[in-house]
Amino acid sequence: MRRLFFFAYMLLLLVFSCTDKTPHGVLSFRDMRAVMWDMMRADQFMGDFIFAKDSLAKKTKVSSTYYGEVLALHKVSQEDFRESYNYYSAHPKLMQDLMDSISKQVDTSAVWTPFGIDTSRRNMKSVIAQ
């Protein structure tokens, strides 16, 4: 009888410890990946086109404007994003998986060329050289 209770206890422990659900108020993995990807793209845009050309730009104000637009696009509040970011930061394995999936998304994304969109990635060196 003890073995049965022990086995049942271990089974329940295993089942409840393997859930992939995030806590209430934290963005799902898929949503967080989309928001982070757009945040990174906005950051790259600001670095390449705004701050590189205008060194006197109010970086904090401009950054908060662009980041706010990204959050509005995804219908996520700043508090929800912060809570989600803190959650993923506190769980290094989840954060690593998140960043790895974004990296894979970058590797498979299309490349803009003057002749149109190239999804084959074989012309990447020629596009960069131009």
N, C-alpha and C. Protein backbone atom coordinates (compact mmCIF):
# COMPACT_ATOMS: atom_id res chain seq x y z
N MET A 1 0.82 -1.19 0.00
CA MET A 1 0.00 0.00 0.00
C MET A 1 0.87 1.26 0.00
N ARG A 2 1.97 1.23 0.76
CA ARG A 2 2.87 2.37 0.78
C ARG A 2 3.46 2.63 -0.60
N ARG A 3 3.78 1.56 -1.28
CA ARG A 3 4.35 1.71 -2.62
C ARG A 3 3.35 2.38 -3.55
N LEU A 4 2.10 2.05 -3.42
CA LEU A 4 1.07 2.64 -4.26
C LEU A 4 0.96 4.15 -3.99
N PHE A 5 0.94 4.54 -2.72
CA PHE A 5 0.89 5.96 -2.37
C PHE A 5 2.15 6.69 -2.83
N PHE A 6 3.29 6.07 -2.63
CA PHE A 6 4.55 6.67 -3.06
C PHE A 6 4.56 6.86 -4.58
N PHE A 7 4.13 5.84 -5.30
CA PHE A 7 4.08 5.90 -6.75
C PHE A 7 3.11 6.99 -7.22
N ALA A 8 1.93 7.06 -6.59
CA ALA A 8 0.94 8.07 -6.94
C ALA A 8 1.48 9.48 -6.65
N TYR A 9 2.14 9.64 -5.52
CA TYR A 9 2.73 10.93 -5.15
C TYR A 9 3.79 11.35 -6.16
N MET A 10 4.67 10.43 -6.52
CA MET A 10 5.72 10.74 -7.49
C MET A 10 5.13 11.07 -8.87
N LEU A 11 4.09 10.38 -9.25
CA LEU A 11 3.44 10.63 -10.53
C LEU A 11 2.81 12.03 -10.55
N LEU A 12 2.12 12.39 -9.48
CA LEU A 12 1.54 13.73 -9.39
C LEU A 12 2.61 14.81 -9.38
N LEU A 13 3.67 14.57 -8.66
CA LEU A 13 4.78 15.52 -8.63
C LEU A 13 5.37 15.71 -10.01
N LEU A 14 5.54 14.64 -10.73
CA LEU A 14 6.08 14.71 -12.08
C LEU A 14 5.15 15.45 -13.03
N VAL A 15 3.88 15.17 -12.94
CA VAL A 15 2.90 15.81 -13.83
C VAL A 15 2.84 17.31 -13.58
N PHE A 16 2.78 17.73 -12.33
CA PHE A 16 2.66 19.15 -12.03
C PHE A 16 3.97 19.92 -12.20
N SER A 17 5.09 19.26 -12.18
CA SER A 17 6.36 19.96 -12.36
C SER A 17 6.71 20.15 -13.82
N CYS A 18 6.02 19.48 -14.72
CA CYS A 18 6.34 19.55 -16.14
C CYS A 18 5.43 20.49 -16.92
N THR A 19 4.71 21.35 -16.26
CA THR A 19 3.85 22.26 -17.00
C THR A 19 4.67 23.39 -17.59
N ASP A 20 4.33 23.79 -18.82
CA ASP A 20 5.04 24.86 -19.51
C ASP A 20 4.31 26.19 -19.43
N LYS A 21 3.30 26.26 -18.60
CA LYS A 21 2.51 27.49 -18.53
C LYS A 21 3.27 28.55 -17.75
N THR A 22 3.11 29.78 -18.23
CA THR A 22 3.71 30.91 -17.53
C THR A 22 2.70 31.44 -16.53
N PRO A 23 3.16 32.12 -15.50
CA PRO A 23 2.23 32.67 -14.52
C PRO A 23 1.31 33.72 -15.13
N HIS A 24 0.23 34.00 -14.45
CA HIS A 24 -0.72 35.02 -14.89
C HIS A 24 -0.01 36.37 -14.98
N GLY A 25 -0.24 37.11 -16.04
CA GLY A 25 0.39 38.42 -16.21
C GLY A 25 1.71 38.38 -16.95
N VAL A 26 2.18 37.18 -17.28
CA VAL A 26 3.44 37.03 -18.02
C VAL A 26 3.09 36.61 -19.45
N LEU A 27 3.73 37.26 -20.41
CA LEU A 27 3.48 36.95 -21.81
C LEU A 27 3.89 35.52 -22.13
N SER A 28 3.15 34.88 -23.00
CA SER A 28 3.52 33.54 -23.43
C SER A 28 4.84 33.60 -24.19
N PHE A 29 5.47 32.46 -24.36
CA PHE A 29 6.76 32.39 -25.05
C PHE A 29 6.64 32.97 -26.46
N ARG A 30 5.58 32.60 -27.15
CA ARG A 30 5.38 33.07 -28.53
C ARG A 30 5.19 34.59 -28.58
N ASP A 31 4.37 35.13 -27.68
CA ASP A 31 4.14 36.57 -27.66
C ASP A 31 5.40 37.33 -27.26
N MET A 32 6.12 36.80 -26.27
CA MET A 32 7.34 37.46 -25.83
C MET A 32 8.38 37.47 -26.95
N ARG A 33 8.46 36.39 -27.69
CA ARG A 33 9.40 36.33 -28.82
C ARG A 33 9.07 37.40 -29.85
N ALA A 34 7.79 37.57 -30.16
CA ALA A 34 7.38 38.57 -31.14
C ALA A 34 7.70 39.99 -30.65
N VAL A 35 7.41 40.26 -29.39
CA VAL A 35 7.67 41.59 -28.84
C VAL A 35 9.18 41.86 -28.79
N MET A 36 9.95 40.90 -28.31
CA MET A 36 11.40 41.08 -28.23
C MET A 36 12.02 41.28 -29.61
N TRP A 37 11.54 40.53 -30.60
CA TRP A 37 12.05 40.66 -31.96
C TRP A 37 11.80 42.09 -32.48
N ASP A 38 10.60 42.61 -32.26
CA ASP A 38 10.31 43.97 -32.72
C ASP A 38 11.07 45.02 -31.90
N MET A 39 11.29 44.76 -30.61
CA MET A 39 12.09 45.68 -29.80
C MET A 39 13.52 45.75 -30.33
N MET A 40 14.06 44.61 -30.69
CA MET A 40 15.43 44.57 -31.22
C MET A 40 15.51 45.29 -32.56
N ARG A 41 14.49 45.12 -33.38
CA ARG A 41 14.48 45.80 -34.67
C ARG A 41 14.34 47.31 -34.48
N ALA A 42 13.52 47.75 -33.54
CA ALA A 42 13.39 49.18 -33.25
C ALA A 42 14.70 49.74 -32.73
N ASP A 43 15.36 48.98 -31.88
CA ASP A 43 16.66 49.41 -31.34
C ASP A 43 17.69 49.54 -32.45
N GLN A 44 17.70 48.60 -33.37
CA GLN A 44 18.62 48.67 -34.50
C GLN A 44 18.32 49.87 -35.39
N PHE A 45 17.05 50.14 -35.62
CA PHE A 45 16.65 51.29 -36.42
C PHE A 45 17.12 52.59 -35.77
N MET A 46 16.89 52.71 -34.47
CA MET A 46 17.31 53.93 -33.78
C MET A 46 18.82 54.10 -33.85
N GLY A 47 19.57 53.03 -33.67
CA GLY A 47 21.02 53.11 -33.72
C GLY A 47 21.55 53.47 -35.09
N ASP A 48 20.92 52.93 -36.13
CA ASP A 48 21.40 53.15 -37.49
C ASP A 48 20.94 54.47 -38.10
N PHE A 49 19.72 54.90 -37.79
CA PHE A 49 19.17 56.04 -38.50
C PHE A 49 18.90 57.27 -37.66
N ILE A 50 18.74 57.14 -36.38
CA ILE A 50 18.41 58.31 -35.57
C ILE A 50 19.61 58.79 -34.78
N PHE A 51 20.17 57.91 -33.96
CA PHE A 51 21.27 58.33 -33.10
C PHE A 51 22.56 58.51 -33.88
N ALA A 52 22.73 57.79 -34.96
CA ALA A 52 23.96 57.91 -35.76
C ALA A 52 24.00 59.26 -36.48
N LYS A 53 22.85 59.81 -36.82
CA LYS A 53 22.79 61.07 -37.56
C LYS A 53 22.58 62.27 -36.67
N ASP A 54 22.01 62.07 -35.51
CA ASP A 54 21.70 63.19 -34.62
C ASP A 54 22.21 62.86 -33.22
N SER A 55 23.44 63.30 -32.95
CA SER A 55 24.05 62.96 -31.67
C SER A 55 23.41 63.73 -30.52
N LEU A 56 22.66 64.78 -30.82
CA LEU A 56 22.03 65.56 -29.76
C LEU A 56 20.60 65.10 -29.46
N ALA A 57 20.18 64.05 -30.12
CA ALA A 57 18.82 63.55 -29.90
C ALA A 57 18.66 63.11 -28.45
N LYS A 58 17.50 63.39 -27.94
CA LYS A 58 17.18 62.95 -26.58
C LYS A 58 16.94 61.45 -26.62
N LYS A 59 17.98 60.69 -26.32
CA LYS A 59 17.93 59.25 -26.49
C LYS A 59 16.83 58.59 -25.66
N THR A 60 16.66 59.01 -24.46
CA THR A 60 15.66 58.40 -23.60
C THR A 60 14.26 58.66 -24.14
N LYS A 61 14.00 59.88 -24.56
CA LYS A 61 12.67 60.24 -25.07
C LYS A 61 12.38 59.52 -26.38
N VAL A 62 13.36 59.52 -27.28
CA VAL A 62 13.18 58.85 -28.57
C VAL A 62 13.01 57.35 -28.37
N SER A 63 13.83 56.76 -27.53
CA SER A 63 13.74 55.32 -27.28
C SER A 63 12.40 54.94 -26.69
N SER A 64 11.94 55.71 -25.71
CA SER A 64 10.66 55.38 -25.08
C SER A 64 9.51 55.53 -26.08
N THR A 65 9.64 56.46 -27.02
CA THR A 65 8.61 56.62 -28.04
C THR A 65 8.54 55.39 -28.94
N TYR A 66 9.69 54.95 -29.44
CA TYR A 66 9.71 53.78 -30.33
C TYR A 66 9.33 52.50 -29.59
N TYR A 67 9.83 52.31 -28.38
CA TYR A 67 9.47 51.12 -27.62
C TYR A 67 7.98 51.13 -27.28
N GLY A 68 7.45 52.31 -27.00
CA GLY A 68 6.02 52.42 -26.74
C GLY A 68 5.18 52.04 -27.95
N GLU A 69 5.66 52.41 -29.13
CA GLU A 69 4.95 52.04 -30.36
C GLU A 69 4.98 50.52 -30.58
N VAL A 70 6.11 49.91 -30.26
CA VAL A 70 6.20 48.44 -30.38
C VAL A 70 5.22 47.78 -29.42
N LEU A 71 5.17 48.24 -28.20
CA LEU A 71 4.26 47.66 -27.21
C LEU A 71 2.80 47.88 -27.62
N ALA A 72 2.51 49.07 -28.16
CA ALA A 72 1.14 49.34 -28.62
C ALA A 72 0.77 48.45 -29.79
N LEU A 73 1.72 48.19 -30.67
CA LEU A 73 1.49 47.31 -31.81
C LEU A 73 1.08 45.91 -31.35
N HIS A 74 1.71 45.44 -30.28
CA HIS A 74 1.42 44.10 -29.75
C HIS A 74 0.34 44.11 -28.67
N LYS A 75 -0.21 45.29 -28.38
CA LYS A 75 -1.25 45.44 -27.35
C LYS A 75 -0.78 44.92 -25.99
N VAL A 76 0.43 45.35 -25.61
CA VAL A 76 1.03 44.94 -24.34
C VAL A 76 1.36 46.21 -23.57
N SER A 77 1.01 46.24 -22.29
CA SER A 77 1.35 47.40 -21.47
C SER A 77 2.81 47.33 -21.06
N GLN A 78 3.34 48.47 -20.68
CA GLN A 78 4.74 48.53 -20.25
C GLN A 78 4.95 47.68 -18.99
N GLU A 79 3.98 47.69 -18.10
CA GLU A 79 4.09 46.90 -16.88
C GLU A 79 4.10 45.40 -17.18
N ASP A 80 3.21 44.98 -18.11
CA ASP A 80 3.19 43.56 -18.48
C ASP A 80 4.50 43.13 -19.13
N PHE A 81 5.05 44.01 -19.97
CA PHE A 81 6.32 43.67 -20.60
C PHE A 81 7.44 43.56 -19.56
N ARG A 82 7.48 44.52 -18.65
CA ARG A 82 8.52 44.48 -17.60
C ARG A 82 8.39 43.22 -16.75
N GLU A 83 7.17 42.90 -16.36
CA GLU A 83 6.96 41.70 -15.55
C GLU A 83 7.38 40.45 -16.32
N SER A 84 7.04 40.40 -17.60
CA SER A 84 7.40 39.26 -18.43
C SER A 84 8.90 39.18 -18.62
N TYR A 85 9.53 40.33 -18.87
CA TYR A 85 10.98 40.35 -19.05
C TYR A 85 11.69 39.90 -17.78
N ASN A 86 11.22 40.37 -16.64
CA ASN A 86 11.81 39.95 -15.37
C ASN A 86 11.63 38.45 -15.13
N TYR A 87 10.46 37.93 -15.51
CA TYR A 87 10.20 36.49 -15.36
C TYR A 87 11.18 35.68 -16.21
N TYR A 88 11.30 36.05 -17.48
CA TYR A 88 12.20 35.31 -18.37
C TYR A 88 13.66 35.49 -17.95
N SER A 89 14.01 36.65 -17.44
CA SER A 89 15.38 36.88 -16.96
C SER A 89 15.69 36.03 -15.73
N ALA A 90 14.68 35.80 -14.90
CA ALA A 90 14.87 35.00 -13.69
C ALA A 90 14.94 33.51 -14.00
N HIS A 91 14.58 33.13 -15.22
CA HIS A 91 14.64 31.73 -15.65
C HIS A 91 15.58 31.63 -16.85
N PRO A 92 16.87 31.46 -16.59
CA PRO A 92 17.89 31.51 -17.65
C PRO A 92 17.64 30.54 -18.81
N LYS A 93 17.11 29.37 -18.52
CA LYS A 93 16.85 28.40 -19.60
C LYS A 93 15.77 28.94 -20.54
N LEU A 94 14.72 29.52 -19.99
CA LEU A 94 13.66 30.10 -20.82
C LEU A 94 14.20 31.28 -21.64
N MET A 95 15.02 32.12 -20.99
CA MET A 95 15.59 33.27 -21.70
C MET A 95 16.51 32.80 -22.82
N GLN A 96 17.29 31.77 -22.57
CA GLN A 96 18.18 31.25 -23.61
C GLN A 96 17.35 30.69 -24.77
N ASP A 97 16.30 29.96 -24.47
CA ASP A 97 15.43 29.43 -25.51
C ASP A 97 14.77 30.55 -26.30
N LEU A 98 14.39 31.61 -25.60
CA LEU A 98 13.77 32.77 -26.25
C LEU A 98 14.75 33.43 -27.22
N MET A 99 15.96 33.68 -26.76
CA MET A 99 16.96 34.33 -27.61
C MET A 99 17.40 33.42 -28.76
N ASP A 100 17.48 32.13 -28.51
CA ASP A 100 17.83 31.19 -29.58
C ASP A 100 16.75 31.16 -30.65
N SER A 101 15.49 31.21 -30.24
CA SER A 101 14.42 31.20 -31.23
C SER A 101 14.40 32.50 -32.04
N ILE A 102 14.75 33.61 -31.40
CA ILE A 102 14.86 34.88 -32.14
C ILE A 102 16.02 34.81 -33.11
N SER A 103 17.12 34.21 -32.68
CA SER A 103 18.28 34.06 -33.56
C SER A 103 17.94 33.20 -34.78
N LYS A 104 17.19 32.14 -34.58
CA LYS A 104 16.76 31.30 -35.70
C LYS A 104 15.84 32.07 -36.63
N GLN A 105 15.01 32.92 -36.04
CA GLN A 105 14.10 33.73 -36.85
C GLN A 105 14.90 34.70 -37.72
N VAL A 106 15.96 35.26 -37.18
CA VAL A 106 16.82 36.16 -37.95
C VAL A 106 17.50 35.41 -39.07
N ASP A 107 17.98 34.21 -38.80
CA ASP A 107 18.67 33.41 -39.80
C ASP A 107 17.78 33.03 -40.97
N THR A 108 16.49 32.87 -40.72
CA THR A 108 15.60 32.43 -41.79
C THR A 108 14.78 33.57 -42.39
N SER A 109 14.99 34.80 -41.93
CA SER A 109 14.20 35.90 -42.46
C SER A 109 14.69 36.31 -43.84
N ALA A 110 13.84 36.98 -44.55
CA ALA A 110 14.15 37.40 -45.91
C ALA A 110 15.13 38.56 -45.90
N VAL A 111 15.87 38.69 -46.98
CA VAL A 111 16.85 39.76 -47.13
C VAL A 111 16.35 40.72 -48.21
N TRP A 112 16.34 42.01 -47.90
CA TRP A 112 15.93 42.98 -48.89
C TRP A 112 17.10 43.26 -49.81
N THR A 113 16.85 43.28 -51.10
CA THR A 113 17.86 43.64 -52.09
C THR A 113 17.25 44.72 -52.98
N PRO A 114 18.07 45.44 -53.71
CA PRO A 114 17.52 46.45 -54.62
C PRO A 114 16.63 45.84 -55.70
N PHE A 115 16.72 44.55 -55.90
CA PHE A 115 15.94 43.87 -56.94
C PHE A 115 14.74 43.14 -56.37
N GLY A 116 14.42 43.34 -55.11
CA GLY A 116 13.28 42.68 -54.48
C GLY A 116 13.70 41.91 -53.25
N ILE A 117 12.81 41.10 -52.74
CA ILE A 117 13.06 40.31 -51.55
C ILE A 117 13.71 38.99 -51.95
N ASP A 118 14.82 38.68 -51.30
CA ASP A 118 15.53 37.42 -51.56
C ASP A 118 15.42 36.56 -50.31
N THR A 119 14.73 35.45 -50.42
CA THR A 119 14.57 34.57 -49.27
C THR A 119 15.56 33.42 -49.30
N SER A 120 16.41 33.36 -50.31
CA SER A 120 17.31 32.22 -50.43
C SER A 120 18.57 32.35 -49.58
N ARG A 121 18.92 33.55 -49.18
CA ARG A 121 20.10 33.84 -48.35
C ARG A 121 21.41 33.57 -49.10
N ARG A 122 21.39 33.14 -50.36
CA ARG A 122 22.63 32.87 -51.05
C ARG A 122 23.30 34.15 -51.54
N ASN A 123 22.53 35.22 -51.67
CA ASN A 123 23.08 36.49 -52.16
C ASN A 123 23.41 37.45 -51.02
N MET A 124 23.47 36.95 -49.80
CA MET A 124 23.69 37.80 -48.64
C MET A 124 25.00 38.55 -48.73
N LYS A 125 26.10 37.92 -49.15
CA LYS A 125 27.39 38.59 -49.22
C LYS A 125 27.36 39.70 -50.26
N SER A 126 26.68 39.49 -51.38
CA SER A 126 26.63 40.53 -52.40
C SER A 126 25.78 41.69 -51.94
N VAL A 127 24.75 41.44 -51.14
CA VAL A 127 23.90 42.52 -50.62
C VAL A 127 24.69 43.35 -49.61
N ILE A 128 25.44 42.68 -48.76
CA ILE A 128 26.22 43.38 -47.74
C ILE A 128 27.34 44.19 -48.40
N ALA A 129 27.92 43.68 -49.47
CA ALA A 129 29.02 44.37 -50.14
C ALA A 129 28.58 45.64 -50.85
N GLN A 130 27.29 45.75 -51.17
CA GLN A 130 26.83 46.91 -51.93
C GLN A 130 26.80 48.15 -51.10
